[in-house]
Amino acid sequence: MKTKGSKGARLPKHAFMNKPQIQGRKADKALRELVAFGYIKKHPTGGETTYELNDRGFDVCMRLRERRKAL
């Protein structure tokens, strides 16, 4: 996990695109949808845009993590 469990960590776009199956337009669309659904916040900075989980996104991640552990 790139954020090491931190809800306030801000990650650049390329951190989401480190897997071959989520590169290019597919990753761009996924990020736009996560922002639109209210799971992550977009932070424009001087150099590049970063993304941060908000409370709703963090809660969903924790629930998914618990489900995965139960399997």
Protein backbone atom coordinates (compact mmCIF):
# COMPACT_ATOMS: atom_id res chain seq x y z
CA MET A 1 0.00 0.00 0.00
CA LYS A 2 1.56 3.23 -1.12
CA THR A 3 -0.06 5.36 1.59
CA LYS A 4 0.83 2.99 4.43
CA GLY A 5 -2.70 3.38 5.78
CA SER A 6 -2.60 7.17 5.85
CA LYS A 7 -5.84 8.83 4.89
CA GLY A 8 -4.17 12.19 4.30
CA ALA A 9 -1.42 11.00 1.93
CA ARG A 10 -1.51 12.65 -1.48
CA LEU A 11 -0.41 10.54 -4.41
CA PRO A 12 0.44 11.65 -7.95
CA LYS A 13 -1.40 10.18 -10.91
CA HIS A 14 1.45 7.84 -11.90
CA ALA A 15 1.17 6.04 -8.53
CA PHE A 16 -2.21 4.70 -9.70
CA MET A 17 -0.82 3.54 -13.03
CA ASN A 18 1.87 1.15 -11.87
CA LYS A 19 0.02 -1.96 -13.01
CA PRO A 20 -0.18 -2.83 -16.73
CA GLN A 21 -3.94 -3.47 -16.58
CA ILE A 22 -4.69 0.09 -15.41
CA GLN A 23 -2.75 2.40 -17.69
CA GLY A 24 -3.65 5.14 -20.11
CA ARG A 25 -7.25 6.11 -20.69
CA LYS A 26 -8.59 3.37 -18.46
CA ALA A 27 -6.73 4.81 -15.45
CA ASP A 28 -7.71 8.38 -16.35
CA LYS A 29 -11.35 7.37 -16.50
CA ALA A 30 -11.13 5.48 -13.19
CA LEU A 31 -9.62 8.52 -11.43
CA ARG A 32 -12.29 10.84 -12.86
CA GLU A 33 -15.02 8.46 -11.67
CA LEU A 34 -13.55 8.16 -8.18
CA VAL A 35 -13.51 11.96 -7.91
CA ALA A 36 -17.06 12.20 -9.31
CA PHE A 37 -18.39 9.56 -6.89
CA GLY A 38 -16.78 11.38 -3.98
CA TYR A 39 -14.23 8.76 -2.93
CA ILE A 40 -11.10 10.82 -3.53
CA LYS A 41 -10.18 14.51 -3.65
CA LYS A 42 -8.20 16.06 -6.45
CA HIS A 43 -5.47 18.53 -5.41
CA PRO A 44 -4.01 20.66 -8.19
CA THR A 45 -0.49 21.71 -7.24
CA GLY A 46 2.21 23.69 -8.98
CA GLY A 47 3.85 20.68 -10.58
CA GLU A 48 1.23 17.97 -10.96
CA THR A 49 -2.18 16.99 -9.66
CA THR A 50 -2.28 14.73 -6.62
CA TYR A 51 -5.12 12.65 -5.21
CA GLU A 52 -6.17 11.99 -1.62
CA LEU A 53 -8.76 9.66 -0.07
CA ASN A 54 -11.55 11.47 1.71
CA ASP A 55 -13.53 10.02 4.64
CA ARG A 56 -16.01 8.22 2.39
CA GLY A 57 -13.26 6.63 0.27
CA PHE A 58 -11.28 5.64 3.35
CA ASP A 59 -14.31 3.91 4.88
CA VAL A 60 -14.93 1.96 1.67
CA CYS A 61 -11.27 0.90 1.52
CA MET A 62 -11.36 -0.33 5.11
CA ARG A 63 -14.54 -2.34 4.47
CA LEU A 64 -13.01 -3.92 1.36
CA ARG A 65 -9.85 -4.72 3.29
CA GLU A 66 -11.86 -6.51 5.99
CA ARG A 67 -13.78 -8.50 3.38
CA ARG A 68 -10.53 -9.55 1.75
CA LYS A 69 -9.12 -10.73 5.06
CA ALA A 70 -12.26 -12.80 5.67
CA LEU A 71 -11.76 -14.79 2.46
